[in-house]
Protein backbone atom coordinates (compact mmCIF):
# COMPACT_ATOMS: atom_id res chain seq x y z
CA UNK A 1 -208.21 -82.37 16.17
CA UNK A 2 -209.46 -82.36 19.97
CA UNK A 3 -206.15 -84.11 20.87
CA UNK A 4 -204.00 -81.95 19.10
CA UNK A 5 -205.63 -78.69 20.79
CA UNK A 6 -205.20 -80.52 24.12
CA UNK A 7 -201.50 -80.98 23.49
CA UNK A 8 -201.40 -77.28 22.53
CA UNK A 9 -202.73 -76.31 25.90
CA UNK A 10 -200.50 -78.43 27.74
CA UNK A 11 -197.56 -76.94 25.93
CA UNK A 12 -198.95 -73.48 26.65
CA UNK A 13 -199.34 -74.23 30.13
CA UNK A 14 -195.88 -75.72 30.91
CA UNK A 15 -194.17 -72.87 29.06
CA UNK A 16 -196.16 -70.18 31.52
CA UNK A 17 -194.95 -72.32 34.33
CA UNK A 18 -191.18 -72.33 33.34
CA UNK A 19 -191.55 -68.64 33.09
CA UNK A 20 -193.21 -68.25 36.39
CA UNK A 21 -190.69 -70.46 38.10
CA UNK A 22 -187.73 -68.49 36.40
CA UNK A 23 -189.14 -65.26 37.55
CA UNK A 24 -189.50 -66.56 41.05
CA UNK A 25 -185.84 -67.79 41.22
CA UNK A 26 -184.42 -64.62 39.72
CA UNK A 27 -186.58 -62.19 42.16
CA UNK A 28 -185.50 -64.29 45.06
CA UNK A 29 -181.99 -64.22 44.23
CA UNK A 30 -182.00 -60.50 43.71
CA UNK A 31 -183.58 -59.76 47.19
CA UNK A 32 -181.19 -62.40 48.92
CA UNK A 33 -178.04 -60.75 50.63
CA UNK A 34 -176.35 -64.00 51.30
CA UNK A 35 -173.67 -65.32 48.70
CA UNK A 36 -175.12 -68.99 49.19
CA UNK A 37 -178.55 -67.91 48.36
CA UNK A 38 -177.42 -67.40 44.59
CA UNK A 39 -177.08 -71.08 43.88
CA UNK A 40 -179.96 -72.66 42.41
CA UNK A 41 -181.92 -74.82 44.90
CA UNK A 42 -181.92 -78.54 44.07
CA UNK A 43 -185.70 -78.63 44.32
CA UNK A 44 -186.28 -75.79 41.61
CA UNK A 45 -183.64 -77.36 39.40
CA UNK A 46 -185.67 -80.79 39.34
CA UNK A 47 -188.93 -78.87 38.82
CA UNK A 48 -187.14 -76.89 35.72
CA UNK A 49 -185.73 -80.15 34.26
CA UNK A 50 -189.21 -82.05 34.74
CA UNK A 51 -191.03 -79.26 32.99
CA UNK A 52 -188.49 -79.03 29.97
CA UNK A 53 -188.50 -82.87 29.62
CA UNK A 54 -192.44 -82.61 29.45
CA UNK A 55 -192.23 -79.83 26.76
CA UNK A 56 -189.90 -81.85 24.80
CA UNK A 57 -191.93 -84.78 24.97
CA UNK A 58 -195.28 -83.18 24.10
CA UNK A 59 -193.54 -81.41 21.02
CA UNK A 60 -192.28 -84.99 19.94
CA UNK A 61 -195.83 -86.56 20.63
CA UNK A 62 -197.77 -83.59 18.91
CA UNK A 63 -195.25 -83.93 15.74
CA UNK A 64 -196.00 -87.68 15.74
CA UNK A 65 -199.89 -87.12 16.21
CA UNK A 66 -199.70 -84.68 13.16
CA UNK A 67 -197.73 -86.99 11.03
CA UNK A 68 -200.11 -89.78 11.94
CA UNK A 69 -203.17 -87.77 10.99
CA UNK A 70 -201.87 -86.64 7.49
CA UNK A 71 -200.95 -90.33 6.80
CA UNK A 72 -204.45 -91.30 8.02
CA UNK A 73 -206.12 -88.63 6.01
CA UNK A 74 -203.90 -89.80 2.86
CA UNK A 75 -204.72 -93.55 3.46
CA UNK A 76 -208.55 -92.66 3.69
CA UNK A 77 -208.72 -91.20 0.22
CA UNK A 78 -206.51 -93.28 -1.78
CA UNK A 79 -205.12 -96.74 -1.96
CA UNK A 80 -202.89 -98.13 0.75
CA UNK A 81 -200.66 -99.34 -1.61
CA UNK A 82 -199.11 -96.59 -4.00
CA UNK A 83 -198.21 -97.20 -7.73
CA UNK A 84 -194.93 -96.52 -8.56
CA UNK A 85 -195.65 -93.75 -10.85
CA UNK A 86 -197.69 -91.94 -8.28
CA UNK A 87 -194.53 -91.84 -5.90
CA UNK A 88 -192.52 -90.45 -8.84
CA UNK A 89 -195.42 -87.55 -9.48
CA UNK A 90 -195.30 -86.76 -5.57
CA UNK A 91 -191.74 -85.49 -5.99
CA UNK A 92 -192.86 -82.73 -8.55
CA UNK A 93 -192.59 -79.48 -7.04
CA UNK A 94 -195.47 -77.38 -6.81
CA UNK A 95 -195.68 -73.89 -8.33
CA UNK A 96 -193.04 -71.64 -7.43
CA UNK A 97 -191.32 -73.90 -4.82
CA UNK A 98 -188.47 -74.77 -7.08
CA UNK A 99 -187.38 -70.81 -6.62
CA UNK A 100 -185.23 -72.26 -3.55
CA UNK A 101 -183.44 -74.79 -5.70
CA UNK A 102 -181.89 -71.74 -7.72
CA UNK A 103 -180.55 -69.63 -5.09
CA UNK A 104 -177.96 -67.83 -7.14
CA UNK A 105 -180.37 -66.75 -9.99
CA UNK A 106 -182.99 -65.81 -7.41
CA UNK A 107 -180.32 -63.58 -5.54
CA UNK A 108 -179.36 -61.86 -8.69
CA UNK A 109 -183.10 -61.30 -9.74
CA UNK A 110 -183.75 -59.80 -6.31
CA UNK A 111 -180.72 -57.48 -6.02
CA UNK A 112 -182.22 -54.27 -7.29
CA UNK A 113 -182.97 -50.69 -5.69
CA UNK A 114 -186.29 -50.49 -4.56
CA UNK A 115 -188.87 -47.65 -5.58
CA UNK A 116 -186.73 -47.40 -8.76
CA UNK A 117 -186.95 -48.45 -12.32
CA UNK A 118 -186.50 -52.28 -12.57
CA UNK A 119 -183.46 -53.61 -14.01
CA UNK A 120 -183.41 -54.78 -17.64
CA UNK A 121 -183.27 -58.61 -16.71
CA UNK A 122 -186.47 -60.06 -18.32
CA UNK A 123 -183.96 -62.77 -19.72
CA UNK A 124 -183.12 -63.66 -16.01
CA UNK A 125 -186.79 -63.83 -14.98
CA UNK A 126 -187.38 -66.01 -18.02
CA UNK A 127 -184.48 -68.30 -16.88
CA UNK A 128 -186.20 -68.52 -13.63
CA UNK A 129 -189.58 -69.23 -15.06
CA UNK A 130 -188.47 -72.03 -17.31
CA UNK A 131 -186.80 -73.66 -14.16
CA UNK A 132 -190.34 -73.59 -12.62
CA UNK A 133 -189.84 -70.47 -10.43
CA UNK A 134 -193.19 -69.18 -11.34
CA UNK A 135 -194.90 -66.74 -10.44
CA UNK A 136 -191.56 -65.03 -9.65
CA UNK A 137 -191.02 -63.31 -6.47
CA UNK A 138 -192.39 -59.86 -6.19
CA UNK A 139 -190.63 -56.82 -6.65
CA UNK A 140 -191.15 -53.01 -5.50
CA UNK A 141 -189.69 -51.47 -8.79
CA UNK A 142 -191.41 -49.85 -11.83
CA UNK A 143 -191.32 -51.90 -15.18
CA UNK A 144 -189.48 -50.21 -17.76
CA UNK A 145 -191.38 -48.95 -21.09
CA UNK A 146 -189.80 -48.16 -24.65
CA UNK A 147 -188.13 -44.60 -24.75
CA UNK A 148 -190.36 -43.62 -27.73
CA UNK A 149 -193.46 -45.78 -27.96
CA UNK A 150 -195.46 -45.43 -31.08
CA UNK A 151 -198.62 -43.40 -30.63
CA UNK A 152 -200.90 -45.71 -32.63
CA UNK A 153 -201.22 -49.58 -32.57
CA UNK A 154 -202.80 -51.60 -35.44
CA UNK A 155 -206.24 -52.97 -35.09
CA UNK A 156 -205.82 -55.52 -37.67
CA UNK A 157 -204.35 -58.70 -36.44
CA UNK A 158 -202.43 -59.17 -39.69
CA UNK A 159 -200.96 -55.65 -39.92
CA UNK A 160 -198.53 -54.82 -42.87
CA UNK A 161 -195.67 -54.50 -40.10
CA UNK A 162 -195.14 -54.36 -36.25
CA UNK A 163 -193.84 -51.03 -34.67
CA UNK A 164 -190.15 -51.53 -33.56
CA UNK A 165 -190.53 -48.52 -31.21
CA UNK A 166 -192.74 -50.62 -28.86
CA UNK A 167 -190.35 -53.15 -27.86
CA UNK A 168 -187.22 -52.66 -25.33
CA UNK A 169 -184.66 -54.53 -27.84
CA UNK A 170 -181.86 -54.26 -25.46
CA UNK A 171 -181.28 -58.18 -24.78
CA UNK A 172 -181.98 -59.24 -28.14
CA UNK A 173 -179.46 -59.56 -31.26
CA UNK A 174 -181.80 -58.29 -33.69
CA UNK A 175 -183.12 -54.68 -32.99
CA UNK A 176 -186.14 -54.67 -35.30
CA UNK A 177 -188.85 -57.08 -36.84
CA UNK A 178 -187.41 -56.69 -40.08
CA UNK A 179 -184.13 -58.06 -38.74
CA UNK A 180 -186.34 -60.95 -37.37
CA UNK A 181 -187.93 -61.61 -40.62
CA UNK A 182 -184.55 -61.67 -42.57
CA UNK A 183 -183.13 -64.03 -40.13
CA UNK A 184 -186.07 -66.69 -40.31
CA UNK A 185 -189.25 -65.77 -41.90
CA UNK A 186 -190.90 -68.90 -40.15
CA UNK A 187 -190.51 -67.45 -36.85
CA UNK A 188 -193.66 -65.77 -37.23
CA UNK A 189 -192.71 -62.18 -37.34
CA UNK A 190 -193.87 -61.57 -40.91
CA UNK A 191 -197.48 -60.67 -41.06
CA UNK A 192 -197.61 -61.28 -44.79
CA UNK A 193 -196.45 -64.85 -44.47
CA UNK A 194 -198.46 -65.56 -41.43
CA UNK A 195 -201.75 -64.60 -43.09
CA UNK A 196 -201.66 -67.60 -45.07
CA UNK A 197 -201.50 -70.00 -42.11
CA UNK A 198 -204.36 -72.33 -41.02
CA UNK A 199 -206.50 -71.75 -43.98
CA UNK A 200 -205.35 -74.44 -46.45
CA UNK A 201 -204.36 -78.15 -46.89
CA UNK A 202 -200.78 -79.02 -47.28
CA UNK A 203 -201.20 -82.37 -46.07
CA UNK A 204 -203.55 -84.62 -44.28
CA UNK A 205 -201.57 -83.56 -41.11
CA UNK A 206 -203.08 -80.03 -41.52
CA UNK A 207 -206.42 -78.93 -40.07
CA UNK A 208 -207.72 -75.80 -41.60
CA UNK A 209 -209.67 -73.46 -39.49
CA UNK A 210 -212.81 -73.48 -41.92
CA UNK A 211 -212.64 -77.40 -41.50
CA UNK A 212 -212.56 -76.91 -37.63
CA UNK A 213 -215.44 -74.89 -37.50
CA UNK A 214 -217.44 -77.02 -39.80
CA UNK A 215 -216.55 -79.84 -37.54
CA UNK A 216 -217.87 -77.84 -34.42
CA UNK A 217 -220.97 -76.77 -36.39
CA UNK A 218 -221.98 -80.37 -37.30
CA UNK A 219 -221.61 -81.41 -33.73
CA UNK A 220 -223.83 -78.43 -32.64
CA UNK A 221 -220.82 -77.07 -30.77
CA UNK A 222 -220.02 -73.58 -30.55
CA UNK A 223 -216.61 -72.27 -30.44
CA UNK A 224 -216.35 -68.96 -28.58
CA UNK A 225 -213.23 -69.30 -26.11
CA UNK A 226 -209.93 -70.81 -26.84
CA UNK A 227 -206.48 -71.38 -25.47
CA UNK A 228 -203.39 -71.90 -27.85
CA UNK A 229 -200.42 -73.38 -25.97
CA UNK A 230 -196.88 -72.40 -27.31
CA UNK A 231 -198.82 -70.19 -29.79
CA UNK A 232 -195.44 -68.17 -30.84
CA UNK A 233 -196.38 -64.89 -32.19
CA UNK A 234 -200.02 -65.63 -31.86
CA UNK A 235 -200.88 -66.24 -35.52
CA UNK A 236 -203.61 -68.95 -34.63
CA UNK A 237 -205.21 -66.50 -32.17
CA UNK A 238 -205.17 -63.94 -34.78
CA UNK A 239 -206.97 -65.93 -37.47
CA UNK A 240 -209.71 -67.11 -35.02
CA UNK A 241 -210.13 -63.31 -34.12
CA UNK A 242 -211.29 -62.78 -37.57
CA UNK A 243 -214.19 -65.44 -37.03
CA UNK A 244 -215.00 -63.76 -33.60
CA UNK A 245 -213.27 -66.39 -31.62
CA UNK A 246 -211.43 -65.28 -28.50
CA UNK A 247 -208.14 -67.19 -28.18
CA UNK A 248 -205.32 -66.34 -25.53
CA UNK A 249 -201.68 -67.55 -26.36
CA UNK A 250 -199.12 -68.72 -23.97
CA UNK A 251 -195.68 -67.92 -25.36
CA UNK A 252 -191.95 -67.23 -24.05
CA UNK A 253 -189.56 -64.74 -25.19
CA UNK A 254 -186.81 -67.32 -26.24
CA UNK A 255 -184.36 -64.99 -28.26
CA UNK A 256 -187.28 -62.73 -29.45
CA UNK A 257 -189.87 -60.68 -28.28
CA UNK A 258 -192.76 -63.08 -28.76
CA UNK A 259 -194.93 -61.63 -26.38
CA UNK A 260 -194.70 -58.30 -27.16
CA UNK A 261 -195.58 -59.42 -30.99
CA UNK A 262 -198.68 -60.96 -29.75
CA UNK A 263 -199.92 -57.87 -27.96
CA UNK A 264 -199.09 -55.65 -30.61
CA UNK A 265 -201.42 -57.74 -32.98
CA UNK A 266 -204.42 -56.70 -30.52
CA UNK A 267 -204.31 -60.32 -28.81
CA UNK A 268 -203.73 -61.50 -25.24
CA UNK A 269 -200.19 -63.13 -24.46
CA UNK A 270 -199.94 -65.43 -21.40
CA UNK A 271 -196.29 -65.44 -20.23
CA UNK A 272 -196.41 -68.80 -18.61
CA UNK A 273 -194.38 -71.89 -19.05
CA UNK A 274 -195.64 -75.39 -19.84
CA UNK A 275 -195.38 -76.41 -16.07
CA UNK A 276 -197.74 -73.84 -15.02
CA UNK A 277 -201.18 -74.72 -14.26
CA UNK A 278 -203.46 -72.79 -16.60
CA UNK A 279 -204.86 -69.24 -15.35
CA UNK A 280 -208.51 -70.33 -16.36
CA UNK A 281 -211.28 -71.55 -14.35
CA UNK A 282 -212.64 -74.94 -14.56
CA UNK A 283 -214.68 -76.10 -17.63
CA UNK A 284 -214.70 -72.54 -19.61
CA UNK A 285 -212.91 -72.84 -22.82
CA UNK A 286 -214.36 -74.45 -26.14
CA UNK A 287 -211.01 -75.43 -27.60
CA UNK A 288 -207.22 -75.72 -26.54
CA UNK A 289 -204.65 -76.16 -29.24
CA UNK A 290 -201.32 -77.69 -28.56
CA UNK A 291 -198.83 -76.10 -30.91
CA UNK A 292 -195.31 -76.85 -31.57
CA UNK A 293 -193.93 -76.41 -28.17
CA UNK A 294 -195.86 -79.45 -26.80
CA UNK A 295 -193.66 -82.31 -28.31
CA UNK A 296 -191.64 -85.45 -26.92
CA UNK A 297 -188.95 -83.08 -25.13
CA UNK A 298 -191.45 -82.32 -22.35
CA UNK A 299 -190.98 -84.83 -19.40
CA UNK A 300 -193.46 -87.45 -19.44
CA UNK A 301 -195.00 -86.78 -16.14
CA UNK A 302 -195.20 -83.21 -16.66
CA UNK A 303 -196.86 -83.99 -20.03
CA UNK A 304 -199.69 -85.86 -18.39
CA UNK A 305 -200.18 -83.22 -15.90
CA UNK A 306 -200.43 -80.67 -18.76
CA UNK A 307 -203.00 -82.79 -20.52
CA UNK A 308 -205.12 -83.06 -17.39
CA UNK A 309 -205.00 -79.48 -16.84
CA UNK A 310 -206.36 -79.11 -20.46
CA UNK A 311 -208.99 -81.39 -19.38
CA UNK A 312 -209.78 -79.28 -16.33
CA UNK A 313 -210.20 -76.05 -18.29
CA UNK A 314 -212.29 -77.63 -21.35
CA UNK A 315 -216.01 -77.69 -21.05
CA UNK A 316 -217.86 -80.79 -22.05
CA UNK A 317 -218.02 -81.15 -25.46
CA UNK A 318 -214.98 -79.28 -25.96
CA UNK A 319 -211.96 -79.98 -28.22
CA UNK A 320 -208.35 -80.49 -27.65
CA UNK A 321 -206.25 -80.20 -31.14
CA UNK A 322 -202.78 -81.55 -31.05
CA UNK A 323 -201.22 -80.03 -33.94
CA UNK A 324 -198.24 -81.68 -35.59
CA UNK A 325 -197.18 -83.23 -32.13
CA UNK A 326 -193.90 -85.12 -32.95
CA UNK A 327 -192.21 -87.97 -31.27
CA UNK A 328 -190.43 -91.31 -32.27
CA UNK A 329 -192.68 -93.47 -34.12
CA UNK A 330 -192.35 -96.50 -31.42
CA UNK A 331 -192.91 -93.87 -28.40
CA UNK A 332 -195.88 -92.54 -30.06
CA UNK A 333 -197.46 -96.04 -30.22
CA UNK A 334 -196.27 -97.52 -26.67
CA UNK A 335 -196.10 -94.30 -24.62
CA UNK A 336 -198.01 -91.24 -25.98
CA UNK A 337 -201.04 -92.81 -27.72
CA UNK A 338 -201.94 -94.56 -24.55
CA UNK A 339 -201.22 -91.30 -22.39
CA UNK A 340 -203.66 -89.42 -24.78
CA UNK A 341 -206.14 -92.30 -24.69
CA UNK A 342 -206.25 -92.14 -20.81
CA UNK A 343 -208.52 -88.73 -21.40
CA UNK A 344 -211.20 -90.78 -22.94
CA UNK A 345 -211.84 -88.42 -25.67
CA UNK A 346 -213.62 -89.08 -28.93
CA UNK A 347 -211.35 -89.31 -31.96
CA UNK A 348 -212.70 -86.94 -34.45
CA UNK A 349 -209.36 -86.89 -36.25
CA UNK A 350 -206.37 -88.88 -35.99
CA UNK A 351 -203.66 -88.82 -38.60
CA UNK A 352 -199.90 -89.55 -38.54
CA UNK A 353 -197.06 -88.87 -40.71
CA UNK A 354 -193.24 -88.94 -41.13
CA UNK A 355 -191.15 -86.19 -40.12
CA UNK A 356 -189.13 -85.69 -43.00
CA UNK A 357 -186.43 -83.11 -41.82
CA UNK A 358 -183.16 -83.90 -40.71
CA UNK A 359 -183.90 -84.53 -37.10
CA UNK A 360 -186.93 -86.43 -38.06
CA UNK A 361 -185.11 -88.87 -40.24
CA UNK A 362 -182.27 -89.12 -37.96
CA UNK A 363 -184.46 -90.15 -34.89
CA UNK A 364 -187.13 -92.07 -36.54
CA UNK A 365 -189.59 -89.50 -35.67
CA UNK A 366 -193.68 -89.05 -36.80
CA UNK A 367 -196.23 -86.23 -36.57
CA UNK A 368 -199.37 -86.77 -35.05
CA UNK A 369 -202.53 -84.38 -35.67
CA UNK A 370 -205.47 -85.32 -33.68
CA UNK A 371 -208.70 -83.37 -32.79
CA UNK A 372 -210.27 -84.97 -29.65
CA UNK A 373 -213.53 -84.05 -28.29
CA UNK A 374 -214.15 -84.02 -24.34
CA UNK A 375 -217.33 -85.98 -23.14
CA UNK A 376 -220.17 -83.80 -22.76
CA UNK A 377 -220.87 -85.25 -19.46
CA UNK A 378 -218.98 -87.33 -16.97
């Protein structure tokens, strides 16, 4: 550190000297009346060349010293021989740095009129978010609101219906929640259908909430705060709310207003992608559930970081619930089970079963439902 400060001081002195000599030469030239005096003296040229060469040398030396210091710092905190997977992980971009990799999308997103209403471009924002450009660049425009929002919102997380007037439908094919229910009743927009979820067994792969609460009680573990990753319209959070457990849901508006639906049910949606660091402090959650979004289509390196961020936010004794995680059977045995095992969690439940839909049969896929408990202390 002291050597770097010394180099900075030498650079400052050299630049000041250059400016003084240049000023001296300029003033002497202006004051001279003879034509020959306008040429730069050889001695002054040599001095200027020497100073500039010194500046260039010190700049290169400073860069080399900084690089050496960084390398020394790394070598003192890790093994000198880096494993191949660590070199791969080092190429993963930190939060928001990938914005520069999509200049066309970013330029389009940032083309707006300041101090007016923001464009109707939430689909463009989501395209950037899914590419790792998150949090998005800030804009000085006002967010839009629905033209005629409802004056009353449901208190019940399982209302008879969700108010259409509280959503801006412009970018969606469907223009109402009834349309979404008719299109696919399993999307989560039918409260009458959702109220039956998480409450009973259909197979060994299910973990009903009453059983989850019983397991926690038997282990003298209290469930108060939770995170539902990829929770769709927030049905798990809605059901846990009935049991006085606060759960926030990460979700994306992929072709439907999932975030709005979560909020209309009186719950908290987190509009974050899977590669985003969870906006929670270390060791504060009792439960993290990984829903349908966490599956084999996530790049392996990204999935490992996701699991370690789950470990970061879970308190000692907290639970990680992998709900119907699916992958190829051979990959579950050779890749994902060892990856999950690295966490060192206690296996409270570990059940696998065949994925019997068309894609599952074609690709030889299986489901995994696992309830894992983080060690109380480390």
